[in-house]
Amino acid sequence: MVKIISPVTQRQVEAEQIDFEAKAEPWSTYELSDGTTLKVRVILTGVLRIEGEYDQSGNPIYVVSSQTVIQANAPKKIRGTPTGGAMPPTRPSGGGPEVR
């Protein structure tokens, strides 16, 4: 058990760390009005279940930690010189087989 501040009651409460397994982590793909293709992926990094707090349907309240990964592929006409400190362009790594 760990102590956290509840997002519901704003009080310090106990929460249990819950193990999980990713069943799928698909990319969401968006076409922007400037012609850029934006790919977004949310990766769950942790799950806590708050003890004694429930939603309106009686389900336990969960607090999740996640990381958002964004890949942009802009048309050449709007690309510029990389800004200082920016990471070099990369190809998306598969990160392993996609789970379906």
N, C-alpha and C. Protein backbone atom coordinates (compact mmCIF):
# COMPACT_ATOMS: atom_id res chain seq x y z
N MET A 1 0.84 -1.19 0.00
CA MET A 1 0.00 0.00 0.00
C MET A 1 0.88 1.25 0.00
N VAL A 2 0.40 2.26 -0.72
CA VAL A 2 1.06 3.55 -0.73
C VAL A 2 0.04 4.62 -0.38
N LYS A 3 0.50 5.76 0.07
CA LYS A 3 -0.40 6.87 0.39
C LYS A 3 -0.32 7.89 -0.75
N ILE A 4 -1.50 8.29 -1.23
CA ILE A 4 -1.59 9.29 -2.29
C ILE A 4 -2.70 10.27 -1.95
N ILE A 5 -2.77 11.36 -2.68
CA ILE A 5 -3.88 12.30 -2.55
C ILE A 5 -4.96 11.87 -3.54
N SER A 6 -6.15 11.62 -3.04
CA SER A 6 -7.26 11.18 -3.88
C SER A 6 -7.67 12.28 -4.85
N PRO A 7 -7.83 11.96 -6.14
CA PRO A 7 -8.32 12.96 -7.09
C PRO A 7 -9.81 13.27 -6.87
N VAL A 8 -10.49 12.44 -6.09
CA VAL A 8 -11.92 12.63 -5.83
C VAL A 8 -12.15 13.48 -4.58
N THR A 9 -11.53 13.07 -3.47
CA THR A 9 -11.79 13.74 -2.19
C THR A 9 -10.70 14.73 -1.79
N GLN A 10 -9.57 14.73 -2.51
CA GLN A 10 -8.42 15.59 -2.20
C GLN A 10 -7.85 15.32 -0.81
N ARG A 11 -8.12 14.13 -0.27
CA ARG A 11 -7.55 13.72 1.03
C ARG A 11 -6.48 12.68 0.80
N GLN A 12 -5.60 12.51 1.78
CA GLN A 12 -4.60 11.45 1.70
C GLN A 12 -5.30 10.12 1.96
N VAL A 13 -5.10 9.17 1.04
CA VAL A 13 -5.74 7.86 1.14
C VAL A 13 -4.71 6.78 0.83
N GLU A 14 -5.07 5.54 1.15
CA GLU A 14 -4.22 4.42 0.80
C GLU A 14 -4.63 3.89 -0.56
N ALA A 15 -3.63 3.47 -1.32
CA ALA A 15 -3.89 2.91 -2.65
C ALA A 15 -3.00 1.69 -2.83
N GLU A 16 -3.51 0.73 -3.58
CA GLU A 16 -2.76 -0.49 -3.85
C GLU A 16 -2.24 -0.46 -5.28
N GLN A 17 -0.96 -0.79 -5.43
CA GLN A 17 -0.39 -0.88 -6.77
C GLN A 17 -0.93 -2.15 -7.43
N ILE A 18 -1.45 -2.01 -8.65
CA ILE A 18 -2.06 -3.12 -9.37
C ILE A 18 -1.19 -3.48 -10.56
N ASP A 19 -0.83 -4.76 -10.65
CA ASP A 19 -0.07 -5.24 -11.80
C ASP A 19 -0.96 -5.24 -13.04
N PHE A 20 -0.37 -5.10 -14.21
CA PHE A 20 -1.14 -5.11 -15.44
C PHE A 20 -0.30 -5.66 -16.57
N GLU A 21 -1.00 -6.05 -17.63
CA GLU A 21 -0.36 -6.54 -18.85
C GLU A 21 -0.99 -5.81 -20.02
N ALA A 22 -0.17 -5.26 -20.89
CA ALA A 22 -0.68 -4.55 -22.07
C ALA A 22 -1.26 -5.57 -23.05
N LYS A 23 -2.51 -5.40 -23.40
CA LYS A 23 -3.15 -6.26 -24.41
C LYS A 23 -3.00 -5.64 -25.80
N ALA A 24 -2.97 -4.31 -25.86
CA ALA A 24 -2.76 -3.59 -27.12
C ALA A 24 -2.36 -2.16 -26.78
N GLU A 25 -1.46 -1.60 -27.55
CA GLU A 25 -1.06 -0.20 -27.41
C GLU A 25 -1.01 0.42 -28.81
N PRO A 26 -2.18 0.54 -29.44
CA PRO A 26 -2.20 1.01 -30.83
C PRO A 26 -1.89 2.50 -30.95
N TRP A 27 -1.48 2.88 -32.14
CA TRP A 27 -1.28 4.29 -32.47
C TRP A 27 -2.61 4.86 -32.92
N SER A 28 -2.91 6.09 -32.52
CA SER A 28 -4.02 6.86 -33.08
C SER A 28 -3.40 7.78 -34.11
N THR A 29 -3.97 7.82 -35.31
CA THR A 29 -3.39 8.60 -36.40
C THR A 29 -4.35 9.74 -36.76
N TYR A 30 -3.78 10.95 -36.89
CA TYR A 30 -4.57 12.14 -37.20
C TYR A 30 -3.95 12.84 -38.40
N GLU A 31 -4.80 13.34 -39.28
CA GLU A 31 -4.37 14.15 -40.42
C GLU A 31 -4.69 15.59 -40.07
N LEU A 32 -3.65 16.43 -39.94
CA LEU A 32 -3.85 17.83 -39.58
C LEU A 32 -4.12 18.68 -40.82
N SER A 33 -4.73 19.84 -40.62
CA SER A 33 -5.10 20.70 -41.74
C SER A 33 -3.90 21.21 -42.52
N ASP A 34 -2.69 21.19 -41.92
CA ASP A 34 -1.49 21.64 -42.65
C ASP A 34 -0.83 20.50 -43.43
N GLY A 35 -1.47 19.33 -43.43
CA GLY A 35 -0.94 18.19 -44.18
C GLY A 35 -0.08 17.25 -43.35
N THR A 36 0.17 17.59 -42.11
CA THR A 36 0.98 16.74 -41.23
C THR A 36 0.18 15.52 -40.79
N THR A 37 0.85 14.38 -40.75
CA THR A 37 0.27 13.19 -40.15
C THR A 37 0.84 13.09 -38.74
N LEU A 38 -0.04 13.04 -37.75
CA LEU A 38 0.37 12.96 -36.36
C LEU A 38 -0.06 11.61 -35.81
N LYS A 39 0.90 10.88 -35.24
CA LYS A 39 0.60 9.60 -34.61
C LYS A 39 0.81 9.75 -33.12
N VAL A 40 -0.16 9.29 -32.33
CA VAL A 40 -0.13 9.44 -30.88
C VAL A 40 -0.39 8.07 -30.24
N ARG A 41 0.39 7.80 -29.20
CA ARG A 41 0.25 6.52 -28.49
C ARG A 41 0.37 6.79 -27.00
N VAL A 42 -0.54 6.26 -26.21
CA VAL A 42 -0.48 6.38 -24.76
C VAL A 42 -0.03 5.04 -24.20
N ILE A 43 1.03 5.08 -23.40
CA ILE A 43 1.57 3.85 -22.81
C ILE A 43 1.38 3.92 -21.30
N LEU A 44 0.65 2.96 -20.77
CA LEU A 44 0.40 2.89 -19.34
C LEU A 44 1.68 2.48 -18.62
N THR A 45 2.06 3.22 -17.58
CA THR A 45 3.29 2.89 -16.84
C THR A 45 3.02 2.47 -15.40
N GLY A 46 1.82 2.71 -14.89
CA GLY A 46 1.49 2.31 -13.53
C GLY A 46 0.01 2.46 -13.24
N VAL A 47 -0.50 1.62 -12.31
CA VAL A 47 -1.90 1.67 -11.93
C VAL A 47 -2.01 1.53 -10.41
N LEU A 48 -2.77 2.44 -9.80
CA LEU A 48 -3.08 2.36 -8.38
C LEU A 48 -4.59 2.30 -8.21
N ARG A 49 -5.06 1.46 -7.29
CA ARG A 49 -6.49 1.40 -6.96
C ARG A 49 -6.67 2.01 -5.58
N ILE A 50 -7.51 3.03 -5.49
CA ILE A 50 -7.74 3.72 -4.22
C ILE A 50 -8.65 2.86 -3.34
N GLU A 51 -8.22 2.65 -2.12
CA GLU A 51 -8.99 1.85 -1.17
C GLU A 51 -10.20 2.64 -0.67
N GLY A 52 -11.38 2.04 -0.76
CA GLY A 52 -12.59 2.62 -0.18
C GLY A 52 -13.24 3.74 -0.96
N GLU A 53 -12.80 4.00 -2.19
CA GLU A 53 -13.45 5.02 -3.01
C GLU A 53 -13.96 4.39 -4.30
N TYR A 54 -15.19 4.75 -4.68
CA TYR A 54 -15.85 4.12 -5.82
C TYR A 54 -16.55 5.17 -6.67
N ASP A 55 -16.69 4.87 -7.97
CA ASP A 55 -17.40 5.79 -8.86
C ASP A 55 -18.91 5.60 -8.71
N GLN A 56 -19.70 6.31 -9.53
CA GLN A 56 -21.15 6.27 -9.41
C GLN A 56 -21.76 4.92 -9.75
N SER A 57 -20.98 4.05 -10.42
CA SER A 57 -21.47 2.70 -10.74
C SER A 57 -20.96 1.67 -9.74
N GLY A 58 -20.21 2.11 -8.74
CA GLY A 58 -19.68 1.20 -7.74
C GLY A 58 -18.33 0.61 -8.08
N ASN A 59 -17.74 1.04 -9.19
CA ASN A 59 -16.41 0.55 -9.57
C ASN A 59 -15.34 1.25 -8.75
N PRO A 60 -14.25 0.55 -8.43
CA PRO A 60 -13.15 1.20 -7.70
C PRO A 60 -12.57 2.35 -8.52
N ILE A 61 -12.03 3.34 -7.82
CA ILE A 61 -11.36 4.46 -8.48
C ILE A 61 -9.90 4.06 -8.71
N TYR A 62 -9.43 4.22 -9.95
CA TYR A 62 -8.05 3.92 -10.32
C TYR A 62 -7.33 5.21 -10.67
N VAL A 63 -6.07 5.27 -10.31
CA VAL A 63 -5.19 6.37 -10.70
C VAL A 63 -4.13 5.75 -11.59
N VAL A 64 -3.96 6.30 -12.79
CA VAL A 64 -2.99 5.72 -13.72
C VAL A 64 -1.87 6.71 -14.02
N SER A 65 -0.70 6.14 -14.26
CA SER A 65 0.44 6.90 -14.76
C SER A 65 0.65 6.46 -16.19
N SER A 66 0.97 7.41 -17.06
CA SER A 66 1.15 7.05 -18.46
C SER A 66 2.20 7.95 -19.11
N GLN A 67 2.61 7.52 -20.28
CA GLN A 67 3.54 8.31 -21.09
C GLN A 67 2.89 8.46 -22.46
N THR A 68 2.93 9.66 -23.01
CA THR A 68 2.39 9.90 -24.34
C THR A 68 3.55 10.01 -25.32
N VAL A 69 3.46 9.23 -26.39
CA VAL A 69 4.48 9.24 -27.44
C VAL A 69 3.86 9.88 -28.67
N ILE A 70 4.54 10.86 -29.26
CA ILE A 70 4.00 11.57 -30.43
C ILE A 70 5.02 11.51 -31.56
N GLN A 71 4.54 11.18 -32.75
CA GLN A 71 5.39 11.19 -33.94
C GLN A 71 4.70 12.06 -34.99
N ALA A 72 5.43 13.05 -35.50
CA ALA A 72 4.89 13.94 -36.53
C ALA A 72 5.63 13.70 -37.83
N ASN A 73 4.88 13.69 -38.92
CA ASN A 73 5.46 13.59 -40.26
C ASN A 73 4.85 14.73 -41.08
N ALA A 74 5.58 15.85 -41.12
CA ALA A 74 5.08 17.06 -41.78
C ALA A 74 5.51 17.09 -43.24
N PRO A 75 4.72 17.75 -44.10
CA PRO A 75 5.12 17.92 -45.50
C PRO A 75 6.42 18.73 -45.58
N LYS A 76 7.22 18.47 -46.59
CA LYS A 76 8.51 19.15 -46.74
C LYS A 76 8.37 20.66 -46.80
N LYS A 77 7.25 21.16 -47.37
CA LYS A 77 7.09 22.61 -47.52
C LYS A 77 6.96 23.35 -46.19
N ILE A 78 6.64 22.67 -45.10
CA ILE A 78 6.53 23.38 -43.82
C ILE A 78 7.63 22.97 -42.84
N ARG A 79 8.53 22.10 -43.26
CA ARG A 79 9.65 21.71 -42.39
C ARG A 79 10.68 22.82 -42.35
N GLY A 80 11.41 22.88 -41.24
CA GLY A 80 12.46 23.88 -41.09
C GLY A 80 13.72 23.25 -40.54
N THR A 81 14.66 24.10 -40.17
CA THR A 81 15.91 23.64 -39.56
C THR A 81 15.62 23.23 -38.13
N PRO A 82 16.15 22.09 -37.69
CA PRO A 82 15.90 21.66 -36.31
C PRO A 82 16.29 22.74 -35.30
N THR A 83 15.45 22.92 -34.30
CA THR A 83 15.69 23.88 -33.24
C THR A 83 16.77 23.32 -32.31
N GLY A 84 17.67 24.17 -31.83
CA GLY A 84 18.74 23.73 -30.94
C GLY A 84 18.21 22.90 -29.79
N GLY A 85 18.87 21.79 -29.51
CA GLY A 85 18.47 20.93 -28.42
C GLY A 85 17.42 19.91 -28.80
N ALA A 86 16.89 20.01 -30.01
CA ALA A 86 15.87 19.05 -30.43
C ALA A 86 16.53 17.72 -30.75
N MET A 87 15.77 16.67 -30.57
CA MET A 87 16.27 15.34 -30.89
C MET A 87 16.29 15.16 -32.40
N PRO A 88 17.23 14.38 -32.92
CA PRO A 88 17.26 14.14 -34.36
C PRO A 88 16.04 13.34 -34.78
N PRO A 89 15.61 13.49 -36.04
CA PRO A 89 14.44 12.74 -36.49
C PRO A 89 14.73 11.24 -36.44
N THR A 90 13.72 10.50 -36.08
CA THR A 90 13.87 9.04 -35.99
C THR A 90 12.73 8.36 -36.69
N ARG A 91 12.96 7.14 -37.03
CA ARG A 91 11.88 6.31 -37.56
C ARG A 91 11.19 5.66 -36.38
N PRO A 92 9.90 5.39 -36.48
CA PRO A 92 9.25 4.71 -35.36
C PRO A 92 9.79 3.30 -35.24
N SER A 93 10.19 2.95 -34.05
CA SER A 93 10.61 1.56 -33.84
C SER A 93 9.36 0.78 -33.53
N GLY A 94 9.34 -0.44 -33.95
CA GLY A 94 8.18 -1.27 -33.66
C GLY A 94 8.02 -1.51 -32.18
N GLY A 95 9.13 -1.43 -31.43
CA GLY A 95 9.04 -1.67 -30.00
C GLY A 95 8.60 -3.08 -29.71
N GLY A 96 8.82 -3.98 -30.65
CA GLY A 96 8.38 -5.36 -30.46
C GLY A 96 7.11 -5.60 -31.24
N PRO A 97 6.63 -6.81 -31.18
CA PRO A 97 5.42 -7.12 -31.95
C PRO A 97 4.20 -6.42 -31.37
N GLU A 98 3.30 -6.00 -32.24
CA GLU A 98 2.07 -5.38 -31.78
C GLU A 98 1.17 -6.45 -31.20
N VAL A 99 0.64 -6.18 -30.03
CA VAL A 99 -0.25 -7.13 -29.37
C VAL A 99 -1.65 -6.88 -29.86
N ARG A 100 -2.34 -7.91 -30.27
CA ARG A 100 -3.72 -7.76 -30.74
C ARG A 100 -4.65 -8.56 -29.89
